[in-house]
Amino acid sequence: MGVMAEEELNPISQIELRRRKQRILQIARQLGFVGRVEYRHVCNQSGGAQYGRGSDQSVDLLTVTAQAFERGRDPDDFTLEAIIAHERGHQIIARHRKLAQQLGGVSGAAEEVLASLIGALVLGPGYDSDTLVAKALAELLATGTSPEDALRLVESLIETLEEYL
């Protein structure tokens, strides 16, 4: 599904706005997100959600946009739960002391792979977890990593991440 143009975004009712806010807050809390959670009825290039690191975890910010709900309705795209789990992965990378020490500074591409794998672990076994692992594999393949090496690396990373989480 392509990115929706700003003019394609239809207004929603106050009831729908409250429903969306409640739903994303519930999912975020179930996945362990700490900090503020907000919904913005806009479309942007974030993929539907974005993690913002605050001065401490209590003021971290998860922003979910209309695009996440559109993507969640598309059976060939990520669910709202998978999108939020990926962002929770970013928060864990930023806030998990032992993991952060182990990782040091990682590139943006490496962080995307790790956030997907951590999101998959946070979700537990199932379809959404599988789609995040596939996302991590696709990102590795896009860097020119062979399929065999990408699979080995993902398996090794999952095993290592399980030890920390």
N, C-alpha and C. Protein backbone atom coordinates (compact mmCIF):
# COMPACT_ATOMS: atom_id res chain seq x y z
N MET A 1 0.83 -1.18 0.00
CA MET A 1 0.00 0.00 0.00
C MET A 1 0.87 1.24 0.00
N GLY A 2 0.58 2.21 -0.82
CA GLY A 2 1.38 3.42 -0.89
C GLY A 2 1.02 4.39 0.22
N VAL A 3 1.84 5.40 0.35
CA VAL A 3 1.59 6.43 1.34
C VAL A 3 0.41 7.27 0.88
N MET A 4 -0.52 7.49 1.80
CA MET A 4 -1.70 8.27 1.46
C MET A 4 -1.31 9.73 1.34
N ALA A 5 -1.81 10.39 0.35
CA ALA A 5 -1.59 11.82 0.22
C ALA A 5 -2.44 12.54 1.25
N GLU A 6 -1.99 13.71 1.66
CA GLU A 6 -2.70 14.47 2.70
C GLU A 6 -4.16 14.67 2.35
N GLU A 7 -4.46 14.95 1.05
CA GLU A 7 -5.84 15.22 0.68
C GLU A 7 -6.72 13.96 0.68
N GLU A 8 -6.13 12.78 0.77
CA GLU A 8 -6.90 11.54 0.80
C GLU A 8 -7.38 11.18 2.20
N LEU A 9 -6.90 11.87 3.21
CA LEU A 9 -7.25 11.56 4.59
C LEU A 9 -8.63 12.12 4.91
N ASN A 10 -9.55 11.22 5.21
CA ASN A 10 -10.92 11.63 5.54
C ASN A 10 -11.02 11.99 7.01
N PRO A 11 -11.86 12.96 7.33
CA PRO A 11 -12.07 13.30 8.74
C PRO A 11 -12.74 12.12 9.46
N ILE A 12 -12.53 12.05 10.78
CA ILE A 12 -13.17 11.02 11.58
C ILE A 12 -13.97 11.69 12.69
N SER A 13 -14.94 10.97 13.22
CA SER A 13 -15.79 11.50 14.29
C SER A 13 -15.01 11.54 15.61
N GLN A 14 -15.53 12.27 16.56
CA GLN A 14 -14.93 12.31 17.90
C GLN A 14 -14.97 10.92 18.55
N ILE A 15 -16.03 10.18 18.27
CA ILE A 15 -16.14 8.82 18.81
C ILE A 15 -15.03 7.94 18.24
N GLU A 16 -14.80 8.02 16.93
CA GLU A 16 -13.73 7.24 16.30
C GLU A 16 -12.37 7.70 16.80
N LEU A 17 -12.20 8.98 16.98
CA LEU A 17 -10.94 9.50 17.50
C LEU A 17 -10.66 8.93 18.89
N ARG A 18 -11.65 8.92 19.77
CA ARG A 18 -11.49 8.34 21.11
C ARG A 18 -11.22 6.84 21.03
N ARG A 19 -11.91 6.15 20.13
CA ARG A 19 -11.71 4.71 19.97
C ARG A 19 -10.27 4.41 19.56
N ARG A 20 -9.77 5.18 18.61
CA ARG A 20 -8.38 4.98 18.16
C ARG A 20 -7.39 5.26 19.28
N LYS A 21 -7.60 6.33 20.01
CA LYS A 21 -6.70 6.67 21.12
C LYS A 21 -6.71 5.56 22.16
N GLN A 22 -7.88 5.06 22.50
CA GLN A 22 -7.98 3.98 23.50
C GLN A 22 -7.31 2.71 23.00
N ARG A 23 -7.51 2.40 21.74
CA ARG A 23 -6.95 1.16 21.18
C ARG A 23 -5.43 1.19 21.18
N ILE A 24 -4.83 2.30 20.72
CA ILE A 24 -3.37 2.34 20.67
C ILE A 24 -2.77 2.37 22.08
N LEU A 25 -3.44 3.04 23.01
CA LEU A 25 -2.95 3.06 24.39
C LEU A 25 -2.99 1.65 24.97
N GLN A 26 -4.07 0.93 24.74
CA GLN A 26 -4.19 -0.44 25.24
C GLN A 26 -3.10 -1.34 24.66
N ILE A 27 -2.89 -1.27 23.36
CA ILE A 27 -1.86 -2.10 22.73
C ILE A 27 -0.48 -1.74 23.26
N ALA A 28 -0.19 -0.44 23.32
CA ALA A 28 1.12 0.02 23.78
C ALA A 28 1.41 -0.46 25.19
N ARG A 29 0.43 -0.35 26.07
CA ARG A 29 0.63 -0.78 27.46
C ARG A 29 0.77 -2.29 27.55
N GLN A 30 0.00 -3.03 26.76
CA GLN A 30 0.12 -4.50 26.75
C GLN A 30 1.52 -4.92 26.32
N LEU A 31 2.13 -4.15 25.43
CA LEU A 31 3.46 -4.48 24.94
C LEU A 31 4.57 -3.90 25.82
N GLY A 32 4.18 -3.20 26.87
CA GLY A 32 5.16 -2.69 27.84
C GLY A 32 5.68 -1.30 27.57
N PHE A 33 5.08 -0.57 26.64
CA PHE A 33 5.57 0.78 26.36
C PHE A 33 5.36 1.66 27.58
N VAL A 34 6.40 2.41 27.95
CA VAL A 34 6.36 3.34 29.07
C VAL A 34 6.51 4.74 28.49
N GLY A 35 5.65 5.64 28.93
CA GLY A 35 5.71 7.02 28.46
C GLY A 35 4.36 7.44 27.90
N ARG A 36 4.38 8.52 27.16
CA ARG A 36 3.15 9.05 26.58
C ARG A 36 2.83 8.35 25.26
N VAL A 37 1.55 8.18 25.01
CA VAL A 37 1.07 7.59 23.76
C VAL A 37 0.05 8.54 23.18
N GLU A 38 0.23 8.90 21.92
CA GLU A 38 -0.74 9.80 21.31
C GLU A 38 -1.08 9.38 19.89
N TYR A 39 -2.28 9.77 19.51
CA TYR A 39 -2.75 9.53 18.15
C TYR A 39 -2.84 10.87 17.44
N ARG A 40 -2.38 10.91 16.21
CA ARG A 40 -2.51 12.10 15.37
C ARG A 40 -3.19 11.68 14.08
N HIS A 41 -4.25 12.36 13.76
CA HIS A 41 -4.98 12.03 12.53
C HIS A 41 -4.33 12.75 11.36
N VAL A 42 -3.13 12.28 11.02
CA VAL A 42 -2.34 12.80 9.91
C VAL A 42 -1.69 11.62 9.21
N CYS A 43 -1.20 11.88 8.03
CA CYS A 43 -0.38 10.91 7.31
C CYS A 43 0.99 11.53 7.12
N ASN A 44 2.02 10.72 7.33
CA ASN A 44 3.38 11.19 7.11
C ASN A 44 4.23 10.03 6.64
N GLN A 45 5.50 10.20 6.65
CA GLN A 45 6.41 9.17 6.14
C GLN A 45 6.91 8.22 7.24
N SER A 46 6.25 8.21 8.40
CA SER A 46 6.74 7.42 9.53
C SER A 46 6.38 5.94 9.43
N GLY A 47 5.56 5.56 8.49
CA GLY A 47 5.11 4.17 8.42
C GLY A 47 3.91 3.91 9.31
N GLY A 48 3.47 4.93 10.02
CA GLY A 48 2.29 4.79 10.85
C GLY A 48 2.54 5.02 12.33
N ALA A 49 3.79 4.94 12.76
CA ALA A 49 4.10 5.17 14.16
C ALA A 49 5.55 5.59 14.29
N GLN A 50 5.84 6.27 15.38
CA GLN A 50 7.21 6.72 15.60
C GLN A 50 7.48 6.80 17.09
N TYR A 51 8.66 6.33 17.47
CA TYR A 51 9.12 6.41 18.85
C TYR A 51 9.99 7.64 19.01
N GLY A 52 9.73 8.41 20.05
CA GLY A 52 10.57 9.55 20.38
C GLY A 52 11.11 9.39 21.78
N ARG A 53 12.43 9.44 21.89
CA ARG A 53 13.09 9.27 23.18
C ARG A 53 13.04 10.58 23.95
N GLY A 54 12.55 10.52 25.18
CA GLY A 54 12.50 11.68 26.05
C GLY A 54 13.70 11.74 26.97
N SER A 55 13.70 12.71 27.88
CA SER A 55 14.81 12.86 28.82
C SER A 55 14.89 11.67 29.78
N ASP A 56 13.76 11.03 30.03
CA ASP A 56 13.74 9.74 30.71
C ASP A 56 12.53 8.95 30.17
N GLN A 57 12.48 7.68 30.52
CA GLN A 57 11.49 6.79 29.93
C GLN A 57 10.06 7.27 30.15
N SER A 58 9.78 7.91 31.27
CA SER A 58 8.42 8.34 31.56
C SER A 58 7.91 9.40 30.59
N VAL A 59 8.81 10.08 29.91
CA VAL A 59 8.39 11.09 28.94
C VAL A 59 8.72 10.68 27.50
N ASP A 60 9.09 9.41 27.29
CA ASP A 60 9.20 8.91 25.92
C ASP A 60 7.84 9.08 25.26
N LEU A 61 7.83 9.14 23.95
CA LEU A 61 6.59 9.39 23.22
C LEU A 61 6.42 8.39 22.08
N LEU A 62 5.27 7.77 22.05
CA LEU A 62 4.87 6.93 20.92
C LEU A 62 3.76 7.69 20.20
N THR A 63 4.02 8.04 18.95
CA THR A 63 3.03 8.73 18.15
C THR A 63 2.54 7.78 17.07
N VAL A 64 1.24 7.56 17.03
CA VAL A 64 0.62 6.69 16.03
C VAL A 64 -0.24 7.58 15.15
N THR A 65 -0.16 7.38 13.84
CA THR A 65 -0.90 8.20 12.90
C THR A 65 -1.98 7.40 12.18
N ALA A 66 -2.78 8.10 11.42
CA ALA A 66 -3.86 7.47 10.65
C ALA A 66 -3.33 6.37 9.73
N GLN A 67 -2.13 6.54 9.25
CA GLN A 67 -1.55 5.56 8.34
C GLN A 67 -1.46 4.17 8.99
N ALA A 68 -1.21 4.10 10.29
CA ALA A 68 -1.14 2.80 10.98
C ALA A 68 -2.49 2.09 10.92
N PHE A 69 -3.58 2.83 11.03
CA PHE A 69 -4.91 2.21 10.97
C PHE A 69 -5.21 1.76 9.54
N GLU A 70 -4.78 2.55 8.56
CA GLU A 70 -4.97 2.15 7.16
C GLU A 70 -4.17 0.89 6.85
N ARG A 71 -2.92 0.86 7.29
CA ARG A 71 -2.07 -0.30 7.06
C ARG A 71 -2.64 -1.53 7.76
N GLY A 72 -3.17 -1.33 8.96
CA GLY A 72 -3.72 -2.43 9.74
C GLY A 72 -4.92 -3.09 9.09
N ARG A 73 -5.61 -2.34 8.24
CA ARG A 73 -6.78 -2.90 7.54
C ARG A 73 -6.39 -3.68 6.28
N ASP A 74 -5.16 -3.49 5.83
CA ASP A 74 -4.69 -4.16 4.61
C ASP A 74 -4.11 -5.52 5.00
N PRO A 75 -4.71 -6.62 4.53
CA PRO A 75 -4.23 -7.95 4.93
C PRO A 75 -2.81 -8.25 4.45
N ASP A 76 -2.30 -7.46 3.50
CA ASP A 76 -0.95 -7.67 3.00
C ASP A 76 0.07 -6.74 3.65
N ASP A 77 -0.34 -6.04 4.69
CA ASP A 77 0.54 -5.10 5.37
C ASP A 77 0.60 -5.45 6.85
N PHE A 78 1.32 -4.66 7.63
CA PHE A 78 1.47 -4.91 9.05
C PHE A 78 0.23 -4.52 9.81
N THR A 79 -0.06 -5.29 10.86
CA THR A 79 -1.18 -4.95 11.74
C THR A 79 -0.78 -3.80 12.65
N LEU A 80 -1.76 -3.20 13.27
CA LEU A 80 -1.50 -2.13 14.23
C LEU A 80 -0.62 -2.65 15.37
N GLU A 81 -0.86 -3.87 15.81
CA GLU A 81 -0.07 -4.46 16.88
C GLU A 81 1.40 -4.61 16.47
N ALA A 82 1.64 -5.08 15.24
CA ALA A 82 3.02 -5.23 14.76
C ALA A 82 3.71 -3.88 14.63
N ILE A 83 3.00 -2.88 14.16
CA ILE A 83 3.57 -1.54 14.01
C ILE A 83 3.98 -0.98 15.37
N ILE A 84 3.11 -1.13 16.36
CA ILE A 84 3.42 -0.62 17.70
C ILE A 84 4.52 -1.46 18.36
N ALA A 85 4.53 -2.76 18.13
CA ALA A 85 5.57 -3.63 18.70
C ALA A 85 6.94 -3.24 18.15
N HIS A 86 7.02 -2.89 16.88
CA HIS A 86 8.28 -2.45 16.29
C HIS A 86 8.78 -1.19 17.02
N GLU A 87 7.88 -0.26 17.29
CA GLU A 87 8.27 0.97 18.00
C GLU A 87 8.66 0.67 19.44
N ARG A 88 7.99 -0.30 20.06
CA ARG A 88 8.39 -0.74 21.40
C ARG A 88 9.81 -1.29 21.35
N GLY A 89 10.14 -1.97 20.24
CA GLY A 89 11.50 -2.46 20.06
C GLY A 89 12.51 -1.32 20.09
N HIS A 90 12.19 -0.20 19.44
CA HIS A 90 13.08 0.96 19.49
C HIS A 90 13.25 1.46 20.93
N GLN A 91 12.14 1.48 21.70
CA GLN A 91 12.24 1.94 23.08
C GLN A 91 13.14 1.00 23.89
N ILE A 92 13.00 -0.28 23.70
CA ILE A 92 13.83 -1.24 24.44
C ILE A 92 15.30 -1.05 24.07
N ILE A 93 15.60 -0.85 22.80
CA ILE A 93 16.98 -0.60 22.39
C ILE A 93 17.53 0.63 23.11
N ALA A 94 16.72 1.66 23.21
CA ALA A 94 17.17 2.90 23.84
C ALA A 94 17.24 2.81 25.35
N ARG A 95 16.38 2.02 25.98
CA ARG A 95 16.22 2.07 27.43
C ARG A 95 16.73 0.87 28.21
N HIS A 96 16.96 -0.26 27.56
CA HIS A 96 17.41 -1.46 28.26
C HIS A 96 18.92 -1.33 28.48
N ARG A 97 19.30 -1.08 29.72
CA ARG A 97 20.69 -0.75 30.04
C ARG A 97 21.69 -1.80 29.54
N LYS A 98 21.48 -3.05 29.88
CA LYS A 98 22.43 -4.10 29.47
C LYS A 98 22.49 -4.25 27.95
N LEU A 99 21.33 -4.20 27.33
CA LEU A 99 21.28 -4.33 25.87
C LEU A 99 21.98 -3.15 25.21
N ALA A 100 21.73 -1.94 25.71
CA ALA A 100 22.35 -0.75 25.15
C ALA A 100 23.87 -0.82 25.28
N GLN A 101 24.35 -1.31 26.41
CA GLN A 101 25.80 -1.45 26.61
C GLN A 101 26.38 -2.46 25.63
N GLN A 102 25.67 -3.55 25.42
CA GLN A 102 26.12 -4.60 24.52
C GLN A 102 26.15 -4.11 23.07
N LEU A 103 25.13 -3.33 22.70
CA LEU A 103 25.02 -2.88 21.31
C LEU A 103 25.94 -1.72 21.00
N GLY A 104 26.23 -0.89 22.01
CA GLY A 104 26.98 0.32 21.73
C GLY A 104 26.15 1.19 20.80
N GLY A 105 26.76 1.85 19.88
CA GLY A 105 26.01 2.61 18.88
C GLY A 105 25.81 1.75 17.65
N VAL A 106 24.60 1.61 17.20
CA VAL A 106 24.34 0.83 15.99
C VAL A 106 23.83 1.77 14.90
N SER A 107 24.01 1.37 13.68
CA SER A 107 23.53 2.17 12.55
C SER A 107 22.01 2.17 12.52
N GLY A 108 21.46 3.11 11.77
CA GLY A 108 20.01 3.17 11.64
C GLY A 108 19.44 1.89 11.05
N ALA A 109 20.12 1.33 10.06
CA ALA A 109 19.64 0.10 9.42
C ALA A 109 19.68 -1.06 10.41
N ALA A 110 20.76 -1.14 11.20
CA ALA A 110 20.86 -2.22 12.19
C ALA A 110 19.79 -2.06 13.26
N GLU A 111 19.51 -0.81 13.66
CA GLU A 111 18.48 -0.60 14.67
C GLU A 111 17.11 -1.03 14.16
N GLU A 112 16.83 -0.80 12.87
CA GLU A 112 15.55 -1.23 12.31
C GLU A 112 15.41 -2.75 12.38
N VAL A 113 16.47 -3.47 12.07
CA VAL A 113 16.45 -4.94 12.15
C VAL A 113 16.21 -5.36 13.60
N LEU A 114 16.97 -4.77 14.52
CA LEU A 114 16.84 -5.12 15.93
C LEU A 114 15.45 -4.77 16.48
N ALA A 115 14.92 -3.61 16.11
CA ALA A 115 13.59 -3.21 16.59
C ALA A 115 12.52 -4.19 16.13
N SER A 116 12.66 -4.68 14.90
CA SER A 116 11.69 -5.67 14.41
C SER A 116 11.81 -6.97 15.18
N LEU A 117 13.03 -7.41 15.43
CA LEU A 117 13.22 -8.68 16.15
C LEU A 117 12.78 -8.57 17.61
N ILE A 118 13.08 -7.45 18.24
CA ILE A 118 12.63 -7.25 19.62
C ILE A 118 11.11 -7.16 19.65
N GLY A 119 10.53 -6.45 18.69
CA GLY A 119 9.07 -6.38 18.60
C GLY A 119 8.46 -7.76 18.46
N ALA A 120 9.09 -8.61 17.66
CA ALA A 120 8.59 -9.98 17.49
C ALA A 120 8.64 -10.74 18.81
N LEU A 121 9.71 -10.56 19.57
CA LEU A 121 9.83 -11.24 20.86
C LEU A 121 8.81 -10.71 21.87
N VAL A 122 8.57 -9.40 21.84
CA VAL A 122 7.59 -8.80 22.75
C VAL A 122 6.19 -9.34 22.45
N LEU A 123 5.89 -9.52 21.18
CA LEU A 123 4.57 -10.02 20.78
C LEU A 123 4.38 -11.49 21.15
N GLY A 124 5.46 -12.26 21.11
CA GLY A 124 5.34 -13.70 21.33
C GLY A 124 4.96 -14.38 20.02
N PRO A 125 4.94 -15.69 20.01
CA PRO A 125 4.69 -16.45 18.77
C PRO A 125 3.35 -16.08 18.13
N GLY A 126 3.36 -16.05 16.80
CA GLY A 126 2.12 -15.78 16.07
C GLY A 126 2.40 -15.03 14.78
N TYR A 127 1.33 -14.72 14.10
CA TYR A 127 1.42 -14.08 12.78
C TYR A 127 2.17 -12.75 12.83
N ASP A 128 1.82 -11.89 13.79
CA ASP A 128 2.47 -10.57 13.86
C ASP A 128 3.96 -10.70 14.12
N SER A 129 4.32 -11.62 14.98
CA SER A 129 5.73 -11.87 15.26
C SER A 129 6.45 -12.35 13.99
N ASP A 130 5.82 -13.26 13.29
CA ASP A 130 6.41 -13.77 12.04
C ASP A 130 6.61 -12.67 11.01
N THR A 131 5.66 -11.73 10.92
CA THR A 131 5.80 -10.65 9.94
C THR A 131 6.95 -9.72 10.31
N LEU A 132 7.17 -9.52 11.60
CA LEU A 132 8.30 -8.67 12.01
C LEU A 132 9.64 -9.36 11.76
N VAL A 133 9.71 -10.67 11.95
CA VAL A 133 10.93 -11.40 11.63
C VAL A 133 11.18 -11.33 10.12
N ALA A 134 10.12 -11.47 9.34
CA ALA A 134 10.26 -11.36 7.87
C ALA A 134 10.73 -9.97 7.48
N LYS A 135 10.24 -8.94 8.16
CA LYS A 135 10.67 -7.57 7.91
C LYS A 135 12.17 -7.43 8.17
N ALA A 136 12.64 -8.00 9.28
CA ALA A 136 14.07 -7.95 9.60
C ALA A 136 14.89 -8.66 8.53
N LEU A 137 14.40 -9.82 8.10
CA LEU A 137 15.10 -10.56 7.03
C LEU A 137 15.15 -9.75 5.74
N ALA A 138 14.04 -9.13 5.38
CA ALA A 138 13.98 -8.32 4.15
C ALA A 138 14.95 -7.15 4.22
N GLU A 139 15.06 -6.54 5.40
CA GLU A 139 15.98 -5.41 5.55
C GLU A 139 17.43 -5.88 5.40
N LEU A 140 17.74 -7.06 5.92
CA LEU A 140 19.09 -7.60 5.75
C LEU A 140 19.37 -7.95 4.30
N LEU A 141 18.40 -8.55 3.64
CA LEU A 141 18.56 -8.90 2.22
C LEU A 141 18.78 -7.65 1.37
N ALA A 142 18.12 -6.56 1.74
CA ALA A 142 18.25 -5.31 0.98
C ALA A 142 19.65 -4.73 1.08
N THR A 143 20.41 -5.14 2.09
CA THR A 143 21.79 -4.66 2.22
C THR A 143 22.76 -5.50 1.41
N GLY A 144 22.25 -6.55 0.76
CA GLY A 144 23.11 -7.41 -0.03
C GLY A 144 23.54 -8.67 0.71
N THR A 145 23.04 -8.86 1.90
CA THR A 145 23.35 -10.07 2.66
C THR A 145 22.69 -11.26 1.97
N SER A 146 23.41 -12.36 1.87
CA SER A 146 22.85 -13.54 1.22
C SER A 146 21.70 -14.08 2.07
N PRO A 147 20.75 -14.78 1.45
CA PRO A 147 19.64 -15.34 2.22
C PRO A 147 20.11 -16.25 3.35
N GLU A 148 21.12 -17.07 3.10
CA GLU A 148 21.62 -17.99 4.13
C GLU A 148 22.22 -17.22 5.29
N ASP A 149 23.05 -16.21 4.98
CA ASP A 149 23.67 -15.41 6.04
C ASP A 149 22.62 -14.60 6.81
N ALA A 150 21.63 -14.07 6.10
CA ALA A 150 20.58 -13.29 6.75
C ALA A 150 19.81 -14.17 7.73
N LEU A 151 19.47 -15.37 7.32
CA LEU A 151 18.74 -16.29 8.19
C LEU A 151 19.57 -16.66 9.41
N ARG A 152 20.84 -16.96 9.19
CA ARG A 152 21.73 -17.29 10.32
C ARG A 152 21.84 -16.11 11.29
N LEU A 153 21.99 -14.92 10.75
CA LEU A 153 22.13 -13.74 11.58
C LEU A 153 20.86 -13.48 12.40
N VAL A 154 19.71 -13.59 11.76
CA VAL A 154 18.44 -13.38 12.47
C VAL A 154 18.27 -14.41 13.58
N GLU A 155 18.56 -15.66 13.29
CA GLU A 155 18.45 -16.70 14.32
C GLU A 155 19.38 -16.43 15.48
N SER A 156 20.61 -16.00 15.19
CA SER A 156 21.58 -15.69 16.22
C SER A 156 21.15 -14.48 17.04
N LEU A 157 20.65 -13.45 16.37
CA LEU A 157 20.19 -12.26 17.07
C LEU A 157 19.01 -12.56 17.98
N ILE A 158 18.07 -13.36 17.50
CA ILE A 158 16.91 -13.72 18.32
C ILE A 158 17.38 -14.45 19.58
N GLU A 159 18.29 -15.38 19.41
CA GLU A 159 18.81 -16.14 20.55
C GLU A 159 19.49 -15.20 21.56
N THR A 160 20.29 -14.28 21.06
CA THR A 160 20.98 -13.32 21.93
C THR A 160 19.99 -12.38 22.61
N LEU A 161 19.03 -11.86 21.85
CA LEU A 161 18.03 -10.94 22.41
C LEU A 161 17.18 -11.61 23.48
N GLU A 162 16.86 -12.88 23.29
CA GLU A 162 16.09 -13.62 24.30
C GLU A 162 16.82 -13.66 25.63
N GLU A 163 18.14 -13.72 25.58
CA GLU A 163 18.93 -13.73 26.81
C GLU A 163 18.82 -12.41 27.57
N TYR A 164 18.70 -11.31 26.84
CA TYR A 164 18.63 -9.99 27.46
C TYR A 164 17.23 -9.61 27.90
N LEU A 165 16.24 -10.14 27.20
CA LEU A 165 14.88 -9.75 27.49
C LEU A 165 14.25 -10.81 28.35
